[in-house]
Amino acid sequence: MNTFAASGTAAGPPSLYGTMLGAAFASLPPVLRRLHRAEGVHLRGALRVRWSTRRWLRVLMRLSALPRPAAAAACLVTIASEPAGERWHRSIGGCIVASRMRQARPGQVTERMGPLAIVLATRVDGAGRLRQASRSVSLFGLTVPWLHVLASERALDRDRYRCDVRIWAPRLGYLLRYDGVLAIREPDTYLENVE
């Protein structure tokens, strides 16, 4: 592991999360620091995907490109460093969810998925979990004040962590939630397991 990448010393440029979180980055458990380093990461695991229980919302969600409900959807993730941030490519149950992340300001990251932009306040809690909560959500540049996103990452061991992502709206409840365990794979191992 390149422990210097997060701080931007001679070993390389700072990572997006290392820059955004500042000194708090060092308080993350090793698996979460590896996940958010600037060198590119490959993840593999399974996620439980749930949709709203409201029938009319489920009909609308079927028209979207969102991951489908599943008890254990196979998940592959690659994270690549870019000059201004990171590119995330997720395959969840065969559904592709790609995004780009950029620092919005200290302690905040903007994640963009096509016309959707989410500004996430990001912090490390006292137990070393990474927590994110949306500060704003916009679609085609128009604010969507009723849509909220919560995300968390909790270390399980040296190579695995539990993630939990929730998209919800007041009075409607959760529109989409996915959670599960992902493991960091070194590039050689990742490629062998994909074939």
C-alpha atoms as a PDB file:
ATOM      1  CA  MET A   1       0.000   0.000   0.000  1.00  0.00           C
ATOM      2  CA  ASN A   2       1.267   3.461  -0.825  1.00  0.00           C
ATOM      3  CA  THR A   3       0.660   5.251   2.469  1.00  0.00           C
ATOM      4  CA  PHE A   4       2.004   8.517   1.102  1.00  0.00           C
ATOM      5  CA  ALA A   5      -0.516   8.846  -1.750  1.00  0.00           C
ATOM      6  CA  ALA A   6      -3.228  10.213   0.523  1.00  0.00           C
ATOM      7  CA  SER A   7      -1.127  13.094   1.796  1.00  0.00           C
ATOM      8  CA  GLY A   8       0.455  14.114  -1.491  1.00  0.00           C
ATOM      9  CA  THR A   9       4.088  13.672  -0.537  1.00  0.00           C
ATOM     10  CA  ALA A  10       6.887  12.693  -2.909  1.00  0.00           C
ATOM     11  CA  ALA A  11       5.235   9.307  -3.499  1.00  0.00           C
ATOM     12  CA  GLY A  12       2.525  10.838  -5.643  1.00  0.00           C
ATOM     13  CA  PRO A  13      -0.326  13.313  -5.822  1.00  0.00           C
ATOM     14  CA  PRO A  14      -2.937  13.377  -3.068  1.00  0.00           C
ATOM     15  CA  SER A  15      -6.062  11.282  -3.512  1.00  0.00           C
ATOM     16  CA  LEU A  16      -9.465  12.936  -3.826  1.00  0.00           C
ATOM     17  CA  TYR A  17     -10.568  11.706  -0.399  1.00  0.00           C
ATOM     18  CA  GLY A  18      -7.163  12.397   1.160  1.00  0.00           C
ATOM     19  CA  THR A  19      -7.382  16.012   0.022  1.00  0.00           C
ATOM     20  CA  MET A  20     -11.057  16.432   0.882  1.00  0.00           C
ATOM     21  CA  LEU A  21     -10.842  14.901   4.371  1.00  0.00           C
ATOM     22  CA  GLY A  22      -7.445  16.352   5.269  1.00  0.00           C
ATOM     23  CA  ALA A  23      -6.048  15.024   8.561  1.00  0.00           C
ATOM     24  CA  ALA A  24      -9.211  12.951   9.180  1.00  0.00           C
ATOM     25  CA  PHE A  25      -8.181  10.649   6.303  1.00  0.00           C
ATOM     26  CA  ALA A  26      -5.482   9.122   8.543  1.00  0.00           C
ATOM     27  CA  SER A  27      -8.152   8.056  11.080  1.00  0.00           C
ATOM     28  CA  LEU A  28      -9.830   5.761   8.522  1.00  0.00           C
ATOM     29  CA  PRO A  29      -9.123   2.033   8.967  1.00  0.00           C
ATOM     30  CA  PRO A  30      -6.522   0.649   6.509  1.00  0.00           C
ATOM     31  CA  VAL A  31      -9.088  -0.958   4.160  1.00  0.00           C
ATOM     32  CA  LEU A  32     -10.923   2.361   3.715  1.00  0.00           C
ATOM     33  CA  ARG A  33      -7.668   4.251   3.144  1.00  0.00           C
ATOM     34  CA  ARG A  34      -6.751   1.670   0.463  1.00  0.00           C
ATOM     35  CA  LEU A  35     -10.201   2.036  -1.084  1.00  0.00           C
ATOM     36  CA  HIS A  36      -9.865   5.813  -1.386  1.00  0.00           C
ATOM     37  CA  ARG A  37      -6.228   6.087  -2.473  1.00  0.00           C
ATOM     38  CA  ALA A  38      -5.328   7.716  -5.771  1.00  0.00           C
ATOM     39  CA  GLU A  39      -3.881   4.607  -7.467  1.00  0.00           C
ATOM     40  CA  GLY A  40      -6.992   2.851  -8.725  1.00  0.00           C
ATOM     41  CA  VAL A  41      -8.880   0.085  -6.937  1.00  0.00           C
ATOM     42  CA  HIS A  42     -10.833  -3.024  -7.942  1.00  0.00           C
ATOM     43  CA  LEU A  43     -13.659  -4.344  -5.748  1.00  0.00           C
ATOM     44  CA  ARG A  44     -15.784  -7.467  -5.833  1.00  0.00           C
ATOM     45  CA  GLY A  45     -18.679  -8.590  -3.675  1.00  0.00           C
ATOM     46  CA  ALA A  46     -22.431  -8.942  -3.392  1.00  0.00           C
ATOM     47  CA  LEU A  47     -25.047  -6.316  -2.631  1.00  0.00           C
ATOM     48  CA  ARG A  48     -28.625  -6.596  -1.453  1.00  0.00           C
ATOM     49  CA  VAL A  49     -30.635  -4.199  -3.640  1.00  0.00           C
ATOM     50  CA  ARG A  50     -34.069  -2.981  -2.545  1.00  0.00           C
ATOM     51  CA  TRP A  51     -36.572  -0.673  -4.182  1.00  0.00           C
ATOM     52  CA  SER A  52     -39.452   1.280  -2.727  1.00  0.00           C
ATOM     53  CA  THR A  53     -42.442  -0.752  -1.627  1.00  0.00           C
ATOM     54  CA  ARG A  54     -44.761   1.789  -3.280  1.00  0.00           C
ATOM     55  CA  ARG A  55     -46.140   0.172  -6.392  1.00  0.00           C
ATOM     56  CA  TRP A  56     -46.240   3.310  -8.580  1.00  0.00           C
ATOM     57  CA  LEU A  57     -42.609   4.094  -7.716  1.00  0.00           C
ATOM     58  CA  ARG A  58     -41.550   0.564  -8.598  1.00  0.00           C
ATOM     59  CA  VAL A  59     -43.206   0.978 -12.019  1.00  0.00           C
ATOM     60  CA  LEU A  60     -41.230   4.195 -12.601  1.00  0.00           C
ATOM     61  CA  MET A  61     -38.018   2.574 -11.377  1.00  0.00           C
ATOM     62  CA  ARG A  62     -38.429  -0.263 -13.881  1.00  0.00           C
ATOM     63  CA  LEU A  63     -38.085   2.381 -16.605  1.00  0.00           C
ATOM     64  CA  SER A  64     -34.778   3.585 -15.148  1.00  0.00           C
ATOM     65  CA  ALA A  65     -31.254   2.242 -15.489  1.00  0.00           C
ATOM     66  CA  LEU A  66     -31.066   1.524 -11.752  1.00  0.00           C
ATOM     67  CA  PRO A  67     -29.948  -1.856 -10.399  1.00  0.00           C
ATOM     68  CA  ARG A  68     -32.822  -4.317 -10.052  1.00  0.00           C
ATOM     69  CA  PRO A  69     -33.916  -5.728  -6.664  1.00  0.00           C
ATOM     70  CA  ALA A  70     -31.851  -8.733  -5.604  1.00  0.00           C
ATOM     71  CA  ALA A  71     -30.910 -10.569  -2.420  1.00  0.00           C
ATOM     72  CA  ALA A  72     -27.261 -10.891  -3.521  1.00  0.00           C
ATOM     73  CA  ALA A  73     -26.452  -9.026  -6.742  1.00  0.00           C
ATOM     74  CA  ALA A  74     -22.898  -9.616  -7.942  1.00  0.00           C
ATOM     75  CA  CYS A  75     -20.972  -6.362  -7.772  1.00  0.00           C
ATOM     76  CA  LEU A  76     -17.741  -5.324  -9.494  1.00  0.00           C
ATOM     77  CA  VAL A  77     -16.310  -1.839  -9.003  1.00  0.00           C
ATOM     78  CA  THR A  78     -13.295  -0.100 -10.471  1.00  0.00           C
ATOM     79  CA  ILE A  79     -12.101   3.266  -9.230  1.00  0.00           C
ATOM     80  CA  ALA A  80      -9.635   5.188 -11.372  1.00  0.00           C
ATOM     81  CA  SER A  81      -7.844   8.423 -10.610  1.00  0.00           C
ATOM     82  CA  GLU A  82      -8.393  11.341 -12.988  1.00  0.00           C
ATOM     83  CA  PRO A  83      -6.669  14.743 -13.028  1.00  0.00           C
ATOM     84  CA  ALA A  84      -9.548  16.445 -11.177  1.00  0.00           C
ATOM     85  CA  GLY A  85     -10.912  13.510  -9.153  1.00  0.00           C
ATOM     86  CA  GLU A  86     -12.023   9.911  -9.600  1.00  0.00           C
ATOM     87  CA  ARG A  87     -14.044   7.810 -12.042  1.00  0.00           C
ATOM     88  CA  TRP A  88     -16.180   5.044 -10.519  1.00  0.00           C
ATOM     89  CA  HIS A  89     -17.519   2.184 -12.665  1.00  0.00           C
ATOM     90  CA  ARG A  90     -19.963  -0.137 -10.884  1.00  0.00           C
ATOM     91  CA  SER A  91     -21.638  -3.252 -12.213  1.00  0.00           C
ATOM     92  CA  ILE A  92     -24.436  -4.257  -9.826  1.00  0.00           C
ATOM     93  CA  GLY A  93     -26.286  -7.350 -10.951  1.00  0.00           C
ATOM     94  CA  GLY A  94     -25.197  -6.552 -14.506  1.00  0.00           C
ATOM     95  CA  CYS A  95     -26.519  -2.971 -14.351  1.00  0.00           C
ATOM     96  CA  ILE A  96     -23.799  -0.379 -15.017  1.00  0.00           C
ATOM     97  CA  VAL A  97     -23.675   2.679 -12.759  1.00  0.00           C
ATOM     98  CA  ALA A  98     -20.834   5.015 -13.729  1.00  0.00           C
ATOM     99  CA  SER A  99     -19.967   8.293 -12.052  1.00  0.00           C
ATOM    100  CA  ARG A 100     -17.265  10.907 -11.649  1.00  0.00           C
ATOM    101  CA  MET A 101     -16.326  12.458  -8.322  1.00  0.00           C
ATOM    102  CA  ARG A 102     -14.724  15.854  -7.739  1.00  0.00           C
ATOM    103  CA  GLN A 103     -14.010  17.826  -4.598  1.00  0.00           C
ATOM    104  CA  ALA A 104     -16.696  20.479  -4.078  1.00  0.00           C
ATOM    105  CA  ARG A 105     -14.977  22.083  -1.062  1.00  0.00           C
ATOM    106  CA  PRO A 106     -13.213  20.741   2.039  1.00  0.00           C
ATOM    107  CA  GLY A 107     -15.334  17.931   3.444  1.00  0.00           C
ATOM    108  CA  GLN A 108     -17.580  17.708   0.355  1.00  0.00           C
ATOM    109  CA  VAL A 109     -17.471  15.749  -2.884  1.00  0.00           C
ATOM    110  CA  THR A 110     -19.686  16.133  -5.960  1.00  0.00           C
ATOM    111  CA  GLU A 111     -20.683  12.874  -7.633  1.00  0.00           C
ATOM    112  CA  ARG A 112     -22.053  13.137 -11.192  1.00  0.00           C
ATOM    113  CA  MET A 113     -23.973  10.412 -13.016  1.00  0.00           C
ATOM    114  CA  GLY A 114     -25.002  11.842 -16.359  1.00  0.00           C
ATOM    115  CA  PRO A 115     -27.434  14.713 -15.673  1.00  0.00           C
ATOM    116  CA  LEU A 116     -27.620  13.920 -11.938  1.00  0.00           C
ATOM    117  CA  ALA A 117     -25.261  15.754  -9.553  1.00  0.00           C
ATOM    118  CA  ILE A 118     -25.080  15.031  -5.819  1.00  0.00           C
ATOM    119  CA  VAL A 119     -23.026  17.113  -3.383  1.00  0.00           C
ATOM    120  CA  LEU A 120     -22.122  14.848  -0.460  1.00  0.00           C
ATOM    121  CA  ALA A 121     -20.876  16.131   2.891  1.00  0.00           C
ATOM    122  CA  THR A 122     -18.246  13.574   3.901  1.00  0.00           C
ATOM    123  CA  ARG A 123     -16.805  12.857   7.347  1.00  0.00           C
ATOM    124  CA  VAL A 124     -15.118  10.176   9.408  1.00  0.00           C
ATOM    125  CA  ASP A 125     -17.058   9.339  12.577  1.00  0.00           C
ATOM    126  CA  GLY A 126     -15.591   8.335  15.953  1.00  0.00           C
ATOM    127  CA  ALA A 127     -15.688   4.630  15.030  1.00  0.00           C
ATOM    128  CA  GLY A 128     -13.672   5.165  11.832  1.00  0.00           C
ATOM    129  CA  ARG A 129     -16.665   4.855   9.497  1.00  0.00           C
ATOM    130  CA  LEU A 130     -16.884   7.054   6.427  1.00  0.00           C
ATOM    131  CA  ARG A 131     -20.262   8.797   6.367  1.00  0.00           C
ATOM    132  CA  GLN A 132     -21.813  10.827   3.567  1.00  0.00           C
ATOM    133  CA  ALA A 133     -25.052  12.828   3.420  1.00  0.00           C
ATOM    134  CA  SER A 134     -26.347  14.815   0.470  1.00  0.00           C
ATOM    135  CA  ARG A 135     -26.242  18.597   0.797  1.00  0.00           C
ATOM    136  CA  SER A 136     -27.832  19.137  -2.605  1.00  0.00           C
ATOM    137  CA  VAL A 137     -29.158  17.073  -5.487  1.00  0.00           C
ATOM    138  CA  SER A 138     -29.769  18.427  -8.979  1.00  0.00           C
ATOM    139  CA  LEU A 139     -31.023  16.946 -12.243  1.00  0.00           C
ATOM    140  CA  PHE A 140     -30.195  18.744 -15.499  1.00  0.00           C
ATOM    141  CA  GLY A 141     -29.028  21.655 -13.320  1.00  0.00           C
ATOM    142  CA  LEU A 142     -32.385  21.962 -11.512  1.00  0.00           C
ATOM    143  CA  THR A 143     -32.387  21.454  -7.744  1.00  0.00           C
ATOM    144  CA  VAL A 144     -34.330  18.433  -6.504  1.00  0.00           C
ATOM    145  CA  PRO A 145     -34.794  19.457  -2.832  1.00  0.00           C
ATOM    146  CA  TRP A 146     -36.872  16.432  -1.840  1.00  0.00           C
ATOM    147  CA  LEU A 147     -34.297  13.786  -2.858  1.00  0.00           C
ATOM    148  CA  HIS A 148     -31.694  12.706  -0.287  1.00  0.00           C
ATOM    149  CA  VAL A 149     -28.725  10.328  -0.332  1.00  0.00           C
ATOM    150  CA  LEU A 150     -27.018   8.710   2.670  1.00  0.00           C
ATOM    151  CA  ALA A 151     -23.970   6.459   2.385  1.00  0.00           C
ATOM    152  CA  SER A 152     -21.612   4.779   4.819  1.00  0.00           C
ATOM    153  CA  GLU A 153     -18.570   2.504   4.728  1.00  0.00           C
ATOM    154  CA  ARG A 154     -17.440   0.387   7.675  1.00  0.00           C
ATOM    155  CA  ALA A 155     -14.257  -1.682   7.783  1.00  0.00           C
ATOM    156  CA  LEU A 156     -14.634  -5.412   8.449  1.00  0.00           C
ATOM    157  CA  ASP A 157     -11.005  -6.499   8.105  1.00  0.00           C
ATOM    158  CA  ARG A 158      -7.863  -5.731   6.103  1.00  0.00           C
ATOM    159  CA  ASP A 159      -9.508  -6.333   2.701  1.00  0.00           C
ATOM    160  CA  ARG A 160     -13.286  -6.074   3.233  1.00  0.00           C
ATOM    161  CA  TYR A 161     -15.754  -3.389   4.152  1.00  0.00           C
ATOM    162  CA  ARG A 162     -19.531  -3.012   4.419  1.00  0.00           C
ATOM    163  CA  CYS A 163     -21.217  -0.308   2.359  1.00  0.00           C
ATOM    164  CA  ASP A 164     -24.747   1.028   2.695  1.00  0.00           C
ATOM    165  CA  VAL A 165     -26.280   3.502   0.210  1.00  0.00           C
ATOM    166  CA  ARG A 166     -29.802   4.880   0.631  1.00  0.00           C
ATOM    167  CA  ILE A 167     -31.733   7.175  -1.692  1.00  0.00           C
ATOM    168  CA  TRP A 168     -34.914   8.454  -0.096  1.00  0.00           C
ATOM    169  CA  ALA A 169     -37.521  11.188  -0.075  1.00  0.00           C
ATOM    170  CA  PRO A 170     -39.702  12.495   2.758  1.00  0.00           C
ATOM    171  CA  ARG A 171     -43.190  10.955   2.770  1.00  0.00           C
ATOM    172  CA  LEU A 172     -42.096   8.401   0.164  1.00  0.00           C
ATOM    173  CA  GLY A 173     -39.398   6.613   2.150  1.00  0.00           C
ATOM    174  CA  TYR A 174     -36.583   4.756   0.437  1.00  0.00           C
ATOM    175  CA  LEU A 175     -36.594   4.764  -3.346  1.00  0.00           C
ATOM    176  CA  LEU A 176     -33.449   2.624  -3.607  1.00  0.00           C
ATOM    177  CA  ARG A 177     -31.149   1.044  -1.066  1.00  0.00           C
ATOM    178  CA  TYR A 178     -28.183  -1.220  -1.573  1.00  0.00           C
ATOM    179  CA  ASP A 179     -25.857  -2.660   1.012  1.00  0.00           C
ATOM    180  CA  GLY A 180     -23.379  -5.477   1.322  1.00  0.00           C
ATOM    181  CA  VAL A 181     -19.751  -6.477   1.625  1.00  0.00           C
ATOM    182  CA  LEU A 182     -17.096  -5.579  -0.922  1.00  0.00           C
ATOM    183  CA  ALA A 183     -13.492  -6.794  -0.966  1.00  0.00           C
ATOM    184  CA  ILE A 184     -10.497  -5.009  -2.418  1.00  0.00           C
ATOM    185  CA  ARG A 185      -8.748  -7.057  -5.080  1.00  0.00           C
ATOM    186  CA  GLU A 186      -5.316  -6.307  -6.431  1.00  0.00           C
ATOM    187  CA  PRO A 187      -5.409  -5.884 -10.239  1.00  0.00           C
ATOM    188  CA  ASP A 188      -3.930  -9.347 -11.044  1.00  0.00           C
ATOM    189  CA  THR A 189      -6.362 -11.146  -8.725  1.00  0.00           C
ATOM    190  CA  TYR A 190      -9.283  -9.066  -9.987  1.00  0.00           C
ATOM    191  CA  LEU A 191      -8.615  -9.943 -13.639  1.00  0.00           C
ATOM    192  CA  GLU A 192      -8.236 -13.640 -12.863  1.00  0.00           C
ATOM    193  CA  ASN A 193     -11.584 -13.695 -11.026  1.00  0.00           C
ATOM    194  CA  VAL A 194     -13.457 -11.841 -13.766  1.00  0.00           C
ATOM    195  CA  GLU A 195     -12.586 -14.398 -16.464  1.00  0.00           C
END
